[in-house]
Amino acid sequence: MEREKYHRYMYSVAALWNWILAISFLVLPLMSMDYFTLFGLPIPNTLLWFDCFFGLVFAFGLGFYIISKSTKENHGLIQIAVFEKTWVFLMGLGFFLIGEASIWVIVVVVGDLIFGLLFLEDLIAIRKLK
């Protein structure tokens, strides 16, 4: 597959990944709060920070969609995307290691790490072309 086409596809898939996660985690608490326990998390007193986080996950999905339209013109967004995906992985791993998150959190954040590494590879390739 041509590199440019591959990267457009990759960022489109990343956008879908974020949107699916964000919408799922914004809607699930409306149906039942019990799913928190599946992830080894206590049921929060408020969903304020939870909803803010997943709202930002959705917004990052918009950023990935924008990148998918032109990977050559959005290097700043790609840099932020690498940081965001790495940060989410490190936070999930950290909370797992101290016993405050289940293995299911790791399953989700490993997906973010994979995207982060793919984004980093893209960024390095773009810089080599300059």
N, C-alpha and C. Protein backbone atom coordinates (compact mmCIF):
# COMPACT_ATOMS: atom_id res chain seq x y z
N MET A 1 0.86 -1.18 0.00
CA MET A 1 0.00 0.00 0.00
C MET A 1 0.90 1.24 0.00
N GLU A 2 0.53 2.22 -0.80
CA GLU A 2 1.26 3.47 -0.85
C GLU A 2 1.29 4.12 0.54
N ARG A 3 2.44 4.70 0.90
CA ARG A 3 2.64 5.25 2.25
C ARG A 3 1.59 6.30 2.61
N GLU A 4 1.33 7.23 1.72
CA GLU A 4 0.35 8.29 2.01
C GLU A 4 -1.04 7.69 2.25
N LYS A 5 -1.42 6.76 1.40
CA LYS A 5 -2.72 6.10 1.55
C LYS A 5 -2.79 5.33 2.87
N TYR A 6 -1.70 4.62 3.20
CA TYR A 6 -1.62 3.88 4.46
C TYR A 6 -1.82 4.81 5.66
N HIS A 7 -1.15 5.96 5.65
CA HIS A 7 -1.28 6.88 6.78
C HIS A 7 -2.67 7.50 6.86
N ARG A 8 -3.26 7.81 5.72
CA ARG A 8 -4.65 8.31 5.75
C ARG A 8 -5.56 7.27 6.38
N TYR A 9 -5.38 6.02 6.00
CA TYR A 9 -6.18 4.92 6.56
C TYR A 9 -5.91 4.77 8.06
N MET A 10 -4.64 4.81 8.45
CA MET A 10 -4.27 4.64 9.86
C MET A 10 -4.92 5.72 10.73
N TYR A 11 -4.86 6.98 10.31
CA TYR A 11 -5.46 8.05 11.11
C TYR A 11 -6.98 7.97 11.10
N SER A 12 -7.57 7.48 10.03
CA SER A 12 -9.02 7.27 10.01
C SER A 12 -9.42 6.19 11.01
N VAL A 13 -8.67 5.10 11.05
CA VAL A 13 -8.94 4.03 12.02
C VAL A 13 -8.74 4.55 13.44
N ALA A 14 -7.71 5.36 13.66
CA ALA A 14 -7.48 5.94 14.98
C ALA A 14 -8.65 6.83 15.39
N ALA A 15 -9.18 7.59 14.44
CA ALA A 15 -10.34 8.44 14.75
C ALA A 15 -11.53 7.57 15.15
N LEU A 16 -11.78 6.52 14.39
CA LEU A 16 -12.88 5.60 14.74
C LEU A 16 -12.67 4.96 16.11
N TRP A 17 -11.44 4.53 16.40
CA TRP A 17 -11.09 3.95 17.71
C TRP A 17 -11.48 4.92 18.83
N ASN A 18 -11.07 6.18 18.68
CA ASN A 18 -11.37 7.16 19.72
C ASN A 18 -12.87 7.42 19.82
N TRP A 19 -13.53 7.56 18.69
CA TRP A 19 -14.96 7.86 18.73
C TRP A 19 -15.76 6.71 19.34
N ILE A 20 -15.41 5.49 18.98
CA ILE A 20 -16.13 4.34 19.55
C ILE A 20 -15.92 4.27 21.05
N LEU A 21 -14.67 4.42 21.50
CA LEU A 21 -14.41 4.41 22.94
C LEU A 21 -15.13 5.54 23.65
N ALA A 22 -15.02 6.75 23.10
CA ALA A 22 -15.63 7.91 23.75
C ALA A 22 -17.14 7.77 23.86
N ILE A 23 -17.79 7.44 22.76
CA ILE A 23 -19.25 7.32 22.79
C ILE A 23 -19.68 6.18 23.72
N SER A 24 -18.96 5.07 23.66
CA SER A 24 -19.30 3.94 24.55
C SER A 24 -19.22 4.36 26.01
N PHE A 25 -18.11 5.00 26.38
CA PHE A 25 -17.92 5.34 27.78
C PHE A 25 -18.72 6.56 28.22
N LEU A 26 -19.23 7.33 27.29
CA LEU A 26 -20.15 8.41 27.65
C LEU A 26 -21.58 7.89 27.80
N VAL A 27 -21.94 6.85 27.04
CA VAL A 27 -23.30 6.32 27.07
C VAL A 27 -23.49 5.25 28.14
N LEU A 28 -22.49 4.39 28.35
CA LEU A 28 -22.64 3.28 29.31
C LEU A 28 -23.10 3.72 30.70
N PRO A 29 -22.53 4.79 31.27
CA PRO A 29 -23.00 5.19 32.61
C PRO A 29 -24.47 5.61 32.64
N LEU A 30 -25.00 6.01 31.50
CA LEU A 30 -26.42 6.37 31.44
C LEU A 30 -27.30 5.13 31.57
N MET A 31 -26.76 3.97 31.17
CA MET A 31 -27.51 2.72 31.24
C MET A 31 -27.28 2.00 32.56
N SER A 32 -26.02 1.98 33.02
CA SER A 32 -25.69 1.29 34.27
C SER A 32 -24.32 1.75 34.74
N MET A 33 -24.20 1.96 36.03
CA MET A 33 -22.91 2.34 36.61
C MET A 33 -22.08 1.10 36.96
N ASP A 34 -22.68 -0.08 36.86
CA ASP A 34 -22.00 -1.30 37.27
C ASP A 34 -20.80 -1.66 36.41
N TYR A 35 -20.73 -1.14 35.18
CA TYR A 35 -19.63 -1.54 34.32
C TYR A 35 -18.28 -1.04 34.85
N PHE A 36 -18.27 -0.03 35.72
CA PHE A 36 -17.01 0.43 36.31
C PHE A 36 -16.29 -0.72 37.01
N THR A 37 -17.05 -1.57 37.67
CA THR A 37 -16.44 -2.67 38.42
C THR A 37 -15.78 -3.69 37.50
N LEU A 38 -16.24 -3.80 36.25
CA LEU A 38 -15.59 -4.69 35.29
C LEU A 38 -14.16 -4.25 35.01
N PHE A 39 -13.92 -2.95 35.10
CA PHE A 39 -12.60 -2.40 34.85
C PHE A 39 -11.78 -2.23 36.13
N GLY A 40 -12.31 -2.77 37.23
CA GLY A 40 -11.60 -2.69 38.49
C GLY A 40 -11.63 -1.31 39.10
N LEU A 41 -12.61 -0.52 38.71
CA LEU A 41 -12.71 0.85 39.18
C LEU A 41 -13.88 1.02 40.13
N PRO A 42 -13.72 1.85 41.15
CA PRO A 42 -14.87 2.14 42.00
C PRO A 42 -15.86 3.03 41.24
N ILE A 43 -17.12 2.93 41.58
CA ILE A 43 -18.12 3.79 40.96
C ILE A 43 -17.89 5.20 41.47
N PRO A 44 -17.65 6.15 40.57
CA PRO A 44 -17.33 7.51 41.00
C PRO A 44 -18.55 8.24 41.58
N ASN A 45 -18.26 9.21 42.44
CA ASN A 45 -19.33 10.04 43.01
C ASN A 45 -19.92 10.97 41.96
N THR A 46 -19.09 11.39 41.03
CA THR A 46 -19.51 12.27 39.95
C THR A 46 -18.86 11.81 38.65
N LEU A 47 -19.51 12.07 37.56
CA LEU A 47 -18.96 11.71 36.26
C LEU A 47 -18.30 12.91 35.58
N LEU A 48 -18.15 14.01 36.30
CA LEU A 48 -17.61 15.23 35.71
C LEU A 48 -16.27 14.99 35.01
N TRP A 49 -15.28 14.45 35.73
CA TRP A 49 -13.95 14.26 35.15
C TRP A 49 -13.95 13.13 34.13
N PHE A 50 -14.72 12.13 34.38
CA PHE A 50 -14.86 11.01 33.45
C PHE A 50 -15.41 11.50 32.12
N ASP A 51 -16.50 12.27 32.18
CA ASP A 51 -17.11 12.79 30.96
C ASP A 51 -16.20 13.79 30.26
N CYS A 52 -15.48 14.61 31.04
CA CYS A 52 -14.53 15.54 30.43
C CYS A 52 -13.44 14.77 29.68
N PHE A 53 -12.90 13.73 30.32
CA PHE A 53 -11.85 12.93 29.68
C PHE A 53 -12.35 12.32 28.37
N PHE A 54 -13.52 11.69 28.40
CA PHE A 54 -13.99 11.04 27.18
C PHE A 54 -14.48 12.04 26.14
N GLY A 55 -14.87 13.23 26.58
CA GLY A 55 -15.13 14.30 25.62
C GLY A 55 -13.86 14.67 24.88
N LEU A 56 -12.74 14.71 25.62
CA LEU A 56 -11.45 15.00 24.98
C LEU A 56 -10.99 13.84 24.10
N VAL A 57 -11.29 12.62 24.50
CA VAL A 57 -10.98 11.46 23.65
C VAL A 57 -11.70 11.62 22.31
N PHE A 58 -12.97 12.04 22.37
CA PHE A 58 -13.73 12.27 21.14
C PHE A 58 -13.08 13.39 20.33
N ALA A 59 -12.68 14.48 21.00
CA ALA A 59 -12.04 15.60 20.31
C ALA A 59 -10.74 15.17 19.63
N PHE A 60 -9.95 14.34 20.31
CA PHE A 60 -8.74 13.83 19.67
C PHE A 60 -9.09 13.00 18.44
N GLY A 61 -10.21 12.30 18.48
CA GLY A 61 -10.67 11.59 17.30
C GLY A 61 -10.90 12.54 16.13
N LEU A 62 -11.45 13.72 16.43
CA LEU A 62 -11.61 14.73 15.38
C LEU A 62 -10.25 15.15 14.83
N GLY A 63 -9.28 15.30 15.73
CA GLY A 63 -7.92 15.64 15.30
C GLY A 63 -7.34 14.58 14.38
N PHE A 64 -7.54 13.31 14.73
CA PHE A 64 -7.03 12.22 13.89
C PHE A 64 -7.72 12.24 12.52
N TYR A 65 -9.01 12.56 12.53
CA TYR A 65 -9.74 12.66 11.26
C TYR A 65 -9.15 13.79 10.40
N ILE A 66 -8.86 14.93 11.03
CA ILE A 66 -8.25 16.05 10.30
C ILE A 66 -6.90 15.63 9.72
N ILE A 67 -6.09 14.93 10.52
CA ILE A 67 -4.79 14.45 10.03
C ILE A 67 -4.99 13.51 8.85
N SER A 68 -6.02 12.66 8.91
CA SER A 68 -6.24 11.69 7.83
C SER A 68 -6.52 12.38 6.50
N LYS A 69 -7.00 13.60 6.55
CA LYS A 69 -7.29 14.33 5.32
C LYS A 69 -6.03 14.91 4.69
N SER A 70 -5.00 15.17 5.51
CA SER A 70 -3.73 15.68 4.98
C SER A 70 -2.62 15.46 6.00
N THR A 71 -1.95 14.33 5.89
CA THR A 71 -0.88 14.02 6.85
C THR A 71 0.32 14.94 6.66
N LYS A 72 0.47 15.54 5.50
CA LYS A 72 1.62 16.40 5.24
C LYS A 72 1.49 17.79 5.86
N GLU A 73 0.29 18.20 6.19
CA GLU A 73 0.07 19.56 6.69
C GLU A 73 -0.25 19.63 8.17
N ASN A 74 -0.21 18.53 8.88
CA ASN A 74 -0.67 18.53 10.27
C ASN A 74 0.36 17.95 11.23
N HIS A 75 1.61 18.34 11.07
CA HIS A 75 2.68 17.79 11.91
C HIS A 75 2.48 18.12 13.38
N GLY A 76 2.01 19.31 13.68
CA GLY A 76 1.77 19.69 15.07
C GLY A 76 0.73 18.79 15.72
N LEU A 77 -0.33 18.50 15.00
CA LEU A 77 -1.35 17.59 15.52
C LEU A 77 -0.78 16.18 15.73
N ILE A 78 0.09 15.76 14.84
CA ILE A 78 0.69 14.43 14.98
C ILE A 78 1.57 14.38 16.23
N GLN A 79 2.31 15.45 16.49
CA GLN A 79 3.14 15.50 17.70
C GLN A 79 2.27 15.39 18.96
N ILE A 80 1.18 16.13 18.97
CA ILE A 80 0.26 16.07 20.12
C ILE A 80 -0.34 14.67 20.24
N ALA A 81 -0.66 14.06 19.10
CA ALA A 81 -1.24 12.72 19.11
C ALA A 81 -0.27 11.70 19.71
N VAL A 82 1.01 11.81 19.37
CA VAL A 82 2.01 10.89 19.94
C VAL A 82 2.05 11.05 21.45
N PHE A 83 2.07 12.30 21.92
CA PHE A 83 2.08 12.55 23.37
C PHE A 83 0.83 11.99 24.03
N GLU A 84 -0.33 12.28 23.45
CA GLU A 84 -1.61 11.85 24.05
C GLU A 84 -1.69 10.33 24.16
N LYS A 85 -1.34 9.64 23.11
CA LYS A 85 -1.43 8.18 23.13
C LYS A 85 -0.45 7.58 24.13
N THR A 86 0.75 8.14 24.21
CA THR A 86 1.74 7.66 25.18
C THR A 86 1.27 7.94 26.60
N TRP A 87 0.74 9.14 26.83
CA TRP A 87 0.25 9.53 28.16
C TRP A 87 -0.87 8.60 28.63
N VAL A 88 -1.82 8.34 27.78
CA VAL A 88 -2.94 7.46 28.16
C VAL A 88 -2.41 6.07 28.52
N PHE A 89 -1.47 5.57 27.74
CA PHE A 89 -0.89 4.26 28.06
C PHE A 89 -0.19 4.29 29.42
N LEU A 90 0.65 5.29 29.65
CA LEU A 90 1.39 5.36 30.91
C LEU A 90 0.46 5.49 32.11
N MET A 91 -0.60 6.27 31.97
CA MET A 91 -1.55 6.42 33.08
C MET A 91 -2.27 5.11 33.35
N GLY A 92 -2.72 4.45 32.30
CA GLY A 92 -3.40 3.16 32.48
C GLY A 92 -2.48 2.13 33.11
N LEU A 93 -1.25 2.07 32.63
CA LEU A 93 -0.27 1.13 33.18
C LEU A 93 0.03 1.45 34.64
N GLY A 94 0.21 2.72 34.93
CA GLY A 94 0.49 3.13 36.31
C GLY A 94 -0.62 2.74 37.26
N PHE A 95 -1.85 3.00 36.88
CA PHE A 95 -2.98 2.65 37.75
C PHE A 95 -3.13 1.13 37.87
N PHE A 96 -2.80 0.41 36.82
CA PHE A 96 -2.82 -1.06 36.90
C PHE A 96 -1.76 -1.55 37.89
N LEU A 97 -0.57 -0.98 37.81
CA LEU A 97 0.54 -1.42 38.66
C LEU A 97 0.29 -1.16 40.15
N ILE A 98 -0.48 -0.11 40.46
CA ILE A 98 -0.78 0.15 41.87
C ILE A 98 -2.10 -0.48 42.30
N GLY A 99 -2.67 -1.29 41.42
CA GLY A 99 -3.86 -2.06 41.77
C GLY A 99 -5.17 -1.31 41.69
N GLU A 100 -5.19 -0.19 40.95
CA GLU A 100 -6.42 0.59 40.86
C GLU A 100 -7.11 0.48 39.51
N ALA A 101 -6.65 -0.45 38.68
CA ALA A 101 -7.29 -0.69 37.38
C ALA A 101 -7.09 -2.16 37.04
N SER A 102 -8.02 -2.71 36.29
CA SER A 102 -7.96 -4.13 35.93
C SER A 102 -7.17 -4.33 34.64
N ILE A 103 -6.98 -5.58 34.30
CA ILE A 103 -6.28 -5.94 33.07
C ILE A 103 -7.03 -5.39 31.84
N TRP A 104 -8.34 -5.19 31.96
CA TRP A 104 -9.12 -4.65 30.84
C TRP A 104 -8.69 -3.23 30.49
N VAL A 105 -8.27 -2.48 31.48
CA VAL A 105 -7.74 -1.14 31.21
C VAL A 105 -6.47 -1.27 30.37
N ILE A 106 -5.63 -2.23 30.72
CA ILE A 106 -4.39 -2.45 29.96
C ILE A 106 -4.71 -2.82 28.52
N VAL A 107 -5.70 -3.66 28.32
CA VAL A 107 -6.09 -4.05 26.96
C VAL A 107 -6.43 -2.81 26.12
N VAL A 108 -7.18 -1.90 26.71
CA VAL A 108 -7.58 -0.69 25.98
C VAL A 108 -6.38 0.22 25.74
N VAL A 109 -5.57 0.46 26.78
CA VAL A 109 -4.47 1.42 26.62
C VAL A 109 -3.33 0.88 25.78
N VAL A 110 -3.21 -0.43 25.64
CA VAL A 110 -2.21 -0.98 24.72
C VAL A 110 -2.59 -0.59 23.28
N GLY A 111 -3.88 -0.55 22.99
CA GLY A 111 -4.33 -0.06 21.68
C GLY A 111 -3.85 1.36 21.44
N ASP A 112 -3.94 2.20 22.47
CA ASP A 112 -3.44 3.57 22.34
C ASP A 112 -1.93 3.59 22.13
N LEU A 113 -1.21 2.75 22.86
CA LEU A 113 0.25 2.69 22.69
C LEU A 113 0.62 2.30 21.26
N ILE A 114 -0.08 1.33 20.71
CA ILE A 114 0.19 0.91 19.33
C ILE A 114 -0.01 2.08 18.37
N PHE A 115 -1.13 2.81 18.53
CA PHE A 115 -1.35 3.98 17.68
C PHE A 115 -0.25 5.02 17.91
N GLY A 116 0.12 5.25 19.15
CA GLY A 116 1.18 6.22 19.45
C GLY A 116 2.49 5.88 18.75
N LEU A 117 2.86 4.61 18.77
CA LEU A 117 4.09 4.19 18.10
C LEU A 117 3.98 4.33 16.58
N LEU A 118 2.81 4.02 16.03
CA LEU A 118 2.60 4.21 14.59
C LEU A 118 2.66 5.69 14.22
N PHE A 119 2.09 6.54 15.07
CA PHE A 119 2.14 7.99 14.82
C PHE A 119 3.58 8.48 14.88
N LEU A 120 4.35 7.98 15.84
CA LEU A 120 5.75 8.38 15.97
C LEU A 120 6.54 7.96 14.73
N GLU A 121 6.29 6.76 14.25
CA GLU A 121 6.95 6.30 13.03
C GLU A 121 6.61 7.22 11.87
N ASP A 122 5.36 7.64 11.78
CA ASP A 122 4.93 8.55 10.72
C ASP A 122 5.65 9.88 10.85
N LEU A 123 5.73 10.41 12.05
CA LEU A 123 6.39 11.69 12.28
C LEU A 123 7.87 11.62 11.90
N ILE A 124 8.54 10.54 12.27
CA ILE A 124 9.95 10.37 11.91
C ILE A 124 10.11 10.30 10.39
N ALA A 125 9.22 9.56 9.73
CA ALA A 125 9.27 9.45 8.27
C ALA A 125 9.05 10.80 7.60
N ILE A 126 8.12 11.59 8.13
CA ILE A 126 7.85 12.92 7.57
C ILE A 126 9.09 13.80 7.70
N ARG A 127 9.74 13.75 8.86
CA ARG A 127 10.93 14.58 9.08
C ARG A 127 12.08 14.16 8.18
N LYS A 128 12.18 12.87 7.89
CA LYS A 128 13.25 12.39 7.00
C LYS A 128 13.05 12.90 5.57
N LEU A 129 11.80 13.09 5.18
CA LEU A 129 11.50 13.55 3.83
C LEU A 129 11.83 15.03 3.64
N LYS A 130 11.95 15.76 4.73
CA LYS A 130 12.22 17.21 4.62
C LYS A 130 13.67 17.49 4.35
